[in-house]
PDB file of N, CA and C in Angstrom:
ATOM      1  N   MET A   1     107.634  97.542  97.647  1.00  0.00           N
ATOM      2  CA  MET A   1     106.447  97.729  96.844  1.00  0.00           C
ATOM      3  C   MET A   1     106.495  99.100  96.188  1.00  0.00           C
ATOM      4  N   ASN A   2     105.720  99.235  95.154  1.00  0.00           N
ATOM      5  CA  ASN A   2     105.757 100.468  94.403  1.00  0.00           C
ATOM      6  C   ASN A   2     105.171 101.661  95.158  1.00  0.00           C
ATOM      7  N   ASN A   3     104.124 101.434  95.957  1.00  0.00           N
ATOM      8  CA  ASN A   3     103.523 102.517  96.730  1.00  0.00           C
ATOM      9  C   ASN A   3     102.896 101.907  97.972  1.00  0.00           C
ATOM     10  N   GLU A   4     103.413 102.228  99.128  1.00  0.00           N
ATOM     11  CA  GLU A   4     102.944 101.658 100.391  1.00  0.00           C
ATOM     12  C   GLU A   4     101.464 101.932 100.655  1.00  0.00           C
ATOM     13  N   LEU A   5     100.947 103.041 100.173  1.00  0.00           N
ATOM     14  CA  LEU A   5      99.563 103.405 100.455  1.00  0.00           C
ATOM     15  C   LEU A   5      98.584 102.871  99.413  1.00  0.00           C
ATOM     16  N   ASP A   6      99.080 102.422  98.275  1.00  0.00           N
ATOM     17  CA  ASP A   6      98.234 101.929  97.194  1.00  0.00           C
ATOM     18  C   ASP A   6      98.058 100.427  97.363  1.00  0.00           C
ATOM     19  N   ILE A   7      96.934 100.019  97.954  1.00  0.00           N
ATOM     20  CA  ILE A   7      96.696  98.623  98.261  1.00  0.00           C
ATOM     21  C   ILE A   7      95.408  98.164  97.579  1.00  0.00           C
ATOM     22  N   ILE A   8      95.438  96.984  97.019  1.00  0.00           N
ATOM     23  CA  ILE A   8      94.244  96.405  96.403  1.00  0.00           C
ATOM     24  C   ILE A   8      93.412  95.801  97.526  1.00  0.00           C
ATOM     25  N   ASP A   9      92.186  96.322  97.691  1.00  0.00           N
ATOM     26  CA  ASP A   9      91.382  95.881  98.830  1.00  0.00           C
ATOM     27  C   ASP A   9      90.041  95.254  98.460  1.00  0.00           C
ATOM     28  N   ASN A  10      89.825  94.978  97.154  1.00  0.00           N
ATOM     29  CA  ASN A  10      88.608  94.274  96.755  1.00  0.00           C
ATOM     30  C   ASN A  10      88.861  93.536  95.446  1.00  0.00           C
ATOM     31  N   LEU A  11      87.997  92.566  95.147  1.00  0.00           N
ATOM     32  CA  LEU A  11      88.218  91.713  93.975  1.00  0.00           C
ATOM     33  C   LEU A  11      88.041  92.464  92.660  1.00  0.00           C
ATOM     34  N   ALA A  12      87.161  93.448  92.618  1.00  0.00           N
ATOM     35  CA  ALA A  12      86.990  94.245  91.400  1.00  0.00           C
ATOM     36  C   ALA A  12      88.276  94.997  91.074  1.00  0.00           C
ATOM     37  N   GLU A  13      88.914  95.533  92.093  1.00  0.00           N
ATOM     38  CA  GLU A  13      90.179  96.241  91.891  1.00  0.00           C
ATOM     39  C   GLU A  13      91.281  95.268  91.447  1.00  0.00           C
ATOM     40  N   LEU A  14      91.271  94.050  91.996  1.00  0.00           N
ATOM     41  CA  LEU A  14      92.225  93.026  91.569  1.00  0.00           C
ATOM     42  C   LEU A  14      92.026  92.704  90.092  1.00  0.00           C
ATOM     43  N   GLU A  15      90.774  92.540  89.678  1.00  0.00           N
ATOM     44  CA  GLU A  15      90.492  92.273  88.269  1.00  0.00           C
ATOM     45  C   GLU A  15      90.972  93.410  87.379  1.00  0.00           C
ATOM     46  N   ARG A  16      90.725  94.650  87.795  1.00  0.00           N
ATOM     47  CA  ARG A  16      91.195  95.803  87.008  1.00  0.00           C
ATOM     48  C   ARG A  16      92.716  95.803  86.881  1.00  0.00           C
ATOM     49  N   PHE A  17      93.401  95.475  87.983  1.00  0.00           N
ATOM     50  CA  PHE A  17      94.856  95.419  87.954  1.00  0.00           C
ATOM     51  C   PHE A  17      95.330  94.349  86.968  1.00  0.00           C
ATOM     52  N   LEU A  18      94.743  93.164  87.044  1.00  0.00           N
ATOM     53  CA  LEU A  18      95.138  92.075  86.142  1.00  0.00           C
ATOM     54  C   LEU A  18      94.901  92.441  84.686  1.00  0.00           C
ATOM     55  N   LEU A  19      93.774  93.061  84.399  1.00  0.00           N
ATOM     56  CA  LEU A  19      93.491  93.485  83.030  1.00  0.00           C
ATOM     57  C   LEU A  19      94.455  94.568  82.563  1.00  0.00           C
ATOM     58  N   SER A  20      94.853  95.461  83.461  1.00  0.00           N
ATOM     59  CA  SER A  20      95.803  96.506  83.073  1.00  0.00           C
ATOM     60  C   SER A  20      97.176  95.923  82.773  1.00  0.00           C
ATOM     61  N   VAL A  21      97.567  94.872  83.484  1.00  0.00           N
ATOM     62  CA  VAL A  21      98.826  94.191  83.165  1.00  0.00           C
ATOM     63  C   VAL A  21      98.687  93.498  81.812  1.00  0.00           C
ATOM     64  N   GLU A  22      97.562  92.810  81.627  1.00  0.00           N
ATOM     65  CA  GLU A  22      97.332  92.055  80.390  1.00  0.00           C
ATOM     66  C   GLU A  22      97.285  92.943  79.155  1.00  0.00           C
ATOM     67  N   ASN A  23      96.632  94.098  79.265  1.00  0.00           N
ATOM     68  CA  ASN A  23      96.506  94.953  78.079  1.00  0.00           C
ATOM     69  C   ASN A  23      97.669  95.930  77.904  1.00  0.00           C
ATOM     70  N   GLY A  24      98.644  95.881  78.819  1.00  0.00           N
ATOM     71  CA  GLY A  24      99.855  96.676  78.659  1.00  0.00           C
ATOM     72  C   GLY A  24      99.767  98.108  79.140  1.00  0.00           C
ATOM     73  N   SER A  25      98.697  98.483  79.813  1.00  0.00           N
ATOM     74  CA  SER A  25      98.547  99.886  80.205  1.00  0.00           C
ATOM     75  C   SER A  25      99.482 100.314  81.340  1.00  0.00           C
ATOM     76  N   LEU A  26     100.148  99.363  81.987  1.00  0.00           N
ATOM     77  CA  LEU A  26     101.134  99.725  83.011  1.00  0.00           C
ATOM     78  C   LEU A  26     102.515  99.978  82.412  1.00  0.00           C
ATOM     79  N   GLY A  27     102.677  99.682  81.134  1.00  0.00           N
ATOM     80  CA  GLY A  27     103.951  99.927  80.473  1.00  0.00           C
ATOM     81  C   GLY A  27     105.055  98.958  80.842  1.00  0.00           C
ATOM     82  N   LEU A  28     104.698  97.778  81.304  1.00  0.00           N
ATOM     83  CA  LEU A  28     105.695  96.773  81.680  1.00  0.00           C
ATOM     84  C   LEU A  28     106.102  95.963  80.455  1.00  0.00           C
ATOM     85  N   ASN A  29     107.383  95.722  80.313  1.00  0.00           N
ATOM     86  CA  ASN A  29     107.885  94.943  79.180  1.00  0.00           C
ATOM     87  C   ASN A  29     108.324  93.556  79.635  1.00  0.00           C
ATOM     88  N   GLY A  30     108.001  92.541  78.843  1.00  0.00           N
ATOM     89  CA  GLY A  30     108.462  91.189  79.122  1.00  0.00           C
ATOM     90  C   GLY A  30     107.706  90.463  80.213  1.00  0.00           C
ATOM     91  N   VAL A  31     106.443  90.804  80.414  1.00  0.00           N
ATOM     92  CA  VAL A  31     105.647  90.133  81.443  1.00  0.00           C
ATOM     93  C   VAL A  31     105.431  88.678  81.042  1.00  0.00           C
ATOM     94  N   GLU A  32     105.740  87.777  81.975  1.00  0.00           N
ATOM     95  CA  GLU A  32     105.567  86.344  81.735  1.00  0.00           C
ATOM     96  C   GLU A  32     104.701  85.676  82.789  1.00  0.00           C
ATOM     97  N   GLY A  33     104.487  86.325  83.921  1.00  0.00           N
ATOM     98  CA  GLY A  33     103.690  85.700  84.965  1.00  0.00           C
ATOM     99  C   GLY A  33     103.242  86.677  86.029  1.00  0.00           C
ATOM    100  N   ILE A  34     102.170  86.260  86.720  1.00  0.00           N
ATOM    101  CA  ILE A  34     101.624  87.040  87.819  1.00  0.00           C
ATOM    102  C   ILE A  34     101.320  86.061  88.945  1.00  0.00           C
ATOM    103  N   GLY A  35     101.605  86.454  90.174  1.00  0.00           N
ATOM    104  CA  GLY A  35     101.310  85.578  91.294  1.00  0.00           C
ATOM    105  C   GLY A  35     101.065  86.344  92.577  1.00  0.00           C
ATOM    106  N   LEU A  36     100.358  85.695  93.475  1.00  0.00           N
ATOM    107  CA  LEU A  36     100.169  86.235  94.822  1.00  0.00           C
ATOM    108  C   LEU A  36     101.257  85.665  95.704  1.00  0.00           C
ATOM    109  N   ALA A  37     101.762  86.479  96.602  1.00  0.00           N
ATOM    110  CA  ALA A  37     102.866  86.043  97.459  1.00  0.00           C
ATOM    111  C   ALA A  37     102.757  86.710  98.826  1.00  0.00           C
ATOM    112  N   THR A  38     103.605  86.259  99.729  1.00  0.00           N
ATOM    113  CA  THR A  38     103.658  86.803 101.081  1.00  0.00           C
ATOM    114  C   THR A  38     105.069  87.294 101.360  1.00  0.00           C
ATOM    115  N   ASN A  39     105.175  88.497 101.890  1.00  0.00           N
ATOM    116  CA  ASN A  39     106.460  89.071 102.247  1.00  0.00           C
ATOM    117  C   ASN A  39     107.022  88.312 103.451  1.00  0.00           C
ATOM    118  N   ASN A  40     108.219  87.788 103.315  1.00  0.00           N
ATOM    119  CA  ASN A  40     108.829  87.004 104.392  1.00  0.00           C
ATOM    120  C   ASN A  40     109.109  87.821 105.650  1.00  0.00           C
ATOM    121  N   SER A  41     109.406  89.087 105.499  1.00  0.00           N
ATOM    122  CA  SER A  41     109.807  89.872 106.665  1.00  0.00           C
ATOM    123  C   SER A  41     108.644  90.312 107.547  1.00  0.00           C
ATOM    124  N   ASP A  42     107.469  90.583 106.942  1.00  0.00           N
ATOM    125  CA  ASP A  42     106.367  91.074 107.768  1.00  0.00           C
ATOM    126  C   ASP A  42     105.040  90.343 107.561  1.00  0.00           C
ATOM    127  N   GLY A  43     104.993  89.380 106.660  1.00  0.00           N
ATOM    128  CA  GLY A  43     103.787  88.583 106.456  1.00  0.00           C
ATOM    129  C   GLY A  43     102.701  89.239 105.629  1.00  0.00           C
ATOM    130  N   ARG A  44     102.974  90.438 105.105  1.00  0.00           N
ATOM    131  CA  ARG A  44     101.973  91.109 104.269  1.00  0.00           C
ATOM    132  C   ARG A  44     101.896  90.425 102.912  1.00  0.00           C
ATOM    133  N   HIS A  45     100.703  90.477 102.324  1.00  0.00           N
ATOM    134  CA  HIS A  45     100.464  89.832 101.036  1.00  0.00           C
ATOM    135  C   HIS A  45     100.581  90.853  99.902  1.00  0.00           C
ATOM    136  N   PHE A  46     100.997  90.357  98.731  1.00  0.00           N
ATOM    137  CA  PHE A  46     101.110  91.232  97.566  1.00  0.00           C
ATOM    138  C   PHE A  46     100.903  90.439  96.288  1.00  0.00           C
ATOM    139  N   ILE A  47     100.629  91.170  95.214  1.00  0.00           N
ATOM    140  CA  ILE A  47     100.555  90.576  93.897  1.00  0.00           C
ATOM    141  C   ILE A  47     101.810  91.014  93.155  1.00  0.00           C
ATOM    142  N   ALA A  48     102.429  90.061  92.470  1.00  0.00           N
ATOM    143  CA  ALA A  48     103.708  90.321  91.810  1.00  0.00           C
ATOM    144  C   ALA A  48     103.610  90.004  90.323  1.00  0.00           C
ATOM    145  N   VAL A  49     104.280  90.828  89.527  1.00  0.00           N
ATOM    146  CA  VAL A  49     104.368  90.632  88.086  1.00  0.00           C
ATOM    147  C   VAL A  49     105.821  90.294  87.776  1.00  0.00           C
ATOM    148  N   PHE A  50     106.022  89.175  87.066  1.00  0.00           N
ATOM    149  CA  PHE A  50     107.368  88.659  86.810  1.00  0.00           C
ATOM    150  C   PHE A  50     107.701  88.614  85.322  1.00  0.00           C
ATOM    151  N   ASP A  51     109.008  88.639  85.026  1.00  0.00           N
ATOM    152  CA  ASP A  51     109.463  88.400  83.656  1.00  0.00           C
ATOM    153  C   ASP A  51     109.802  86.918  83.504  1.00  0.00           C
ATOM    154  N   LYS A  52     110.367  86.532  82.363  1.00  0.00           N
ATOM    155  CA  LYS A  52     110.635  85.111  82.098  1.00  0.00           C
ATOM    156  C   LYS A  52     111.685  84.514  83.026  1.00  0.00           C
ATOM    157  N   ASN A  53     112.492  85.350  83.662  1.00  0.00           N
ATOM    158  CA  ASN A  53     113.510  84.870  84.605  1.00  0.00           C
ATOM    159  C   ASN A  53     113.049  84.980  86.058  1.00  0.00           C
ATOM    160  N   GLN A  54     111.747  85.153  86.259  1.00  0.00           N
ATOM    161  CA  GLN A  54     111.137  85.337  87.574  1.00  0.00           C
ATOM    162  C   GLN A  54     111.642  86.581  88.298  1.00  0.00           C
ATOM    163  N   LYS A  55     112.134  87.542  87.538  1.00  0.00           N
ATOM    164  CA  LYS A  55     112.533  88.831  88.111  1.00  0.00           C
ATOM    165  C   LYS A  55     111.274  89.661  88.320  1.00  0.00           C
ATOM    166  N   LEU A  56     111.183  90.278  89.488  1.00  0.00           N
ATOM    167  CA  LEU A  56     110.028  91.097  89.825  1.00  0.00           C
ATOM    168  C   LEU A  56     110.034  92.378  89.002  1.00  0.00           C
ATOM    169  N   LEU A  57     108.949  92.588  88.244  1.00  0.00           N
ATOM    170  CA  LEU A  57     108.804  93.795  87.444  1.00  0.00           C
ATOM    171  C   LEU A  57     107.965  94.854  88.144  1.00  0.00           C
ATOM    172  N   PHE A  58     106.959  94.396  88.900  1.00  0.00           N
ATOM    173  CA  PHE A  58     106.018  95.322  89.520  1.00  0.00           C
ATOM    174  C   PHE A  58     105.275  94.564  90.613  1.00  0.00           C
ATOM    175  N   SER A  59     104.863  95.268  91.655  1.00  0.00           N
ATOM    176  CA  SER A  59     104.095  94.621  92.716  1.00  0.00           C
ATOM    177  C   SER A  59     103.189  95.633  93.396  1.00  0.00           C
ATOM    178  N   LYS A  60     102.140  95.109  94.008  1.00  0.00           N
ATOM    179  CA  LYS A  60     101.204  95.933  94.777  1.00  0.00           C
ATOM    180  C   LYS A  60     100.755  95.131  95.982  1.00  0.00           C
ATOM    181  N   TRP A  61     100.583  95.801  97.099  1.00  0.00           N
ATOM    182  CA  TRP A  61     100.053  95.148  98.284  1.00  0.00           C
ATOM    183  C   TRP A  61      98.600  94.768  98.056  1.00  0.00           C
ATOM    184  N   VAL A  62      98.174  93.680  98.672  1.00  0.00           N
ATOM    185  CA  VAL A  62      96.769  93.279  98.672  1.00  0.00           C
ATOM    186  C   VAL A  62      96.366  92.968 100.115  1.00  0.00           C
ATOM    187  N   THR A  63      95.082  93.110 100.399  1.00  0.00           N
ATOM    188  CA  THR A  63      94.594  92.761 101.725  1.00  0.00           C
ATOM    189  C   THR A  63      94.560  91.246 101.883  1.00  0.00           C
ATOM    190  N   LYS A  64      94.442  90.788 103.106  1.00  0.00           N
ATOM    191  CA  LYS A  64      94.354  89.353 103.378  1.00  0.00           C
ATOM    192  C   LYS A  64      93.137  88.755 102.670  1.00  0.00           C
ATOM    193  N   GLU A  65      92.024  89.469 102.668  1.00  0.00           N
ATOM    194  CA  GLU A  65      90.809  88.988 102.020  1.00  0.00           C
ATOM    195  C   GLU A  65      91.021  88.807 100.517  1.00  0.00           C
ATOM    196  N   VAL A  66      91.641  89.779  99.869  1.00  0.00           N
ATOM    197  CA  VAL A  66      91.918  89.676  98.437  1.00  0.00           C
ATOM    198  C   VAL A  66      92.899  88.530  98.180  1.00  0.00           C
ATOM    199  N   PHE A  67      93.896  88.384  99.039  1.00  0.00           N
ATOM    200  CA  PHE A  67      94.858  87.297  98.905  1.00  0.00           C
ATOM    201  C   PHE A  67      94.142  85.948  98.940  1.00  0.00           C
ATOM    202  N   GLU A  68      93.239  85.760  99.885  1.00  0.00           N
ATOM    203  CA  GLU A  68      92.529  84.489 100.031  1.00  0.00           C
ATOM    204  C   GLU A  68      91.487  84.276  98.942  1.00  0.00           C
ATOM    205  N   GLN A  69      90.701  85.293  98.647  1.00  0.00           N
ATOM    206  CA  GLN A  69      89.587  85.147  97.714  1.00  0.00           C
ATOM    207  C   GLN A  69      89.983  85.337  96.251  1.00  0.00           C
ATOM    208  N   GLY A  70      91.149  85.911  96.000  1.00  0.00           N
ATOM    209  CA  GLY A  70      91.549  86.208  94.631  1.00  0.00           C
ATOM    210  C   GLY A  70      92.464  85.186  93.989  1.00  0.00           C
ATOM    211  N   LYS A  71      92.766  84.114  94.687  1.00  0.00           N
ATOM    212  CA  LYS A  71      93.701  83.115  94.157  1.00  0.00           C
ATOM    213  C   LYS A  71      93.245  82.534  92.830  1.00  0.00           C
ATOM    214  N   ASP A  72      91.966  82.184  92.717  1.00  0.00           N
ATOM    215  CA  ASP A  72      91.473  81.611  91.464  1.00  0.00           C
ATOM    216  C   ASP A  72      91.475  82.631  90.338  1.00  0.00           C
ATOM    217  N   ILE A  73      91.190  83.886  90.649  1.00  0.00           N
ATOM    218  CA  ILE A  73      91.218  84.938  89.626  1.00  0.00           C
ATOM    219  C   ILE A  73      92.627  85.072  89.063  1.00  0.00           C
ATOM    220  N   VAL A  74      93.622  85.083  89.931  1.00  0.00           N
ATOM    221  CA  VAL A  74      95.015  85.202  89.483  1.00  0.00           C
ATOM    222  C   VAL A  74      95.433  83.943  88.732  1.00  0.00           C
ATOM    223  N   ARG A  75      95.050  82.794  89.239  1.00  0.00           N
ATOM    224  CA  ARG A  75      95.442  81.510  88.635  1.00  0.00           C
ATOM    225  C   ARG A  75      94.823  81.305  87.259  1.00  0.00           C
ATOM    226  N   HIS A  76      93.537  81.645  87.111  1.00  0.00           N
ATOM    227  CA  HIS A  76      92.804  81.337  85.872  1.00  0.00           C
ATOM    228  C   HIS A  76      92.506  82.546  85.006  1.00  0.00           C
ATOM    229  N   GLY A  77      92.796  83.721  85.488  1.00  0.00           N
ATOM    230  CA  GLY A  77      92.534  84.928  84.719  1.00  0.00           C
ATOM    231  C   GLY A  77      91.159  85.504  84.976  1.00  0.00           C
ATOM    232  N   VAL A  78      90.966  86.705  84.506  1.00  0.00           N
ATOM    233  CA  VAL A  78      89.699  87.400  84.691  1.00  0.00           C
ATOM    234  C   VAL A  78      88.716  86.877  83.660  1.00  0.00           C
ATOM    235  N   LYS A  79      87.526  86.543  84.134  1.00  0.00           N
ATOM    236  CA  LYS A  79      86.458  86.120  83.234  1.00  0.00           C
ATOM    237  C   LYS A  79      85.845  87.375  82.637  1.00  0.00           C
ATOM    238  N   ARG A  80      85.968  87.502  81.344  1.00  0.00           N
ATOM    239  CA  ARG A  80      85.426  88.698  80.671  1.00  0.00           C
ATOM    240  C   ARG A  80      83.910  88.647  80.654  1.00  0.00           C
ATOM    241  N   LYS A  81      83.306  89.811  80.915  1.00  0.00           N
ATOM    242  CA  LYS A  81      81.849  89.928  80.900  1.00  0.00           C
ATOM    243  C   LYS A  81      81.403  90.269  79.492  1.00  0.00           C
ATOM    244  N   HIS A  82      80.349  89.622  79.033  1.00  0.00           N
ATOM    245  CA  HIS A  82      79.862  89.844  77.657  1.00  0.00           C
ATOM    246  C   HIS A  82      78.893  90.983  77.595  1.00  0.00           C
TER     247      HIS A  82
END
């Protein structure tokens, strides 16, 4: 992961992260997908940003609660507030 201490621990922070990927403020090139996943070695959850070849471009740890409650946000995108 990019920073062991930088963990997304609430849904508002997850939304901010998704919007920052979407608007390009993280400086990632070739973003094609975002998904929640589980690390095989220790069972920790994370959010991953992928390119068109499913190569990992960027990732951040998420809490179990964010992993469970944020699936629809990641799947369907952030609902913009008017």
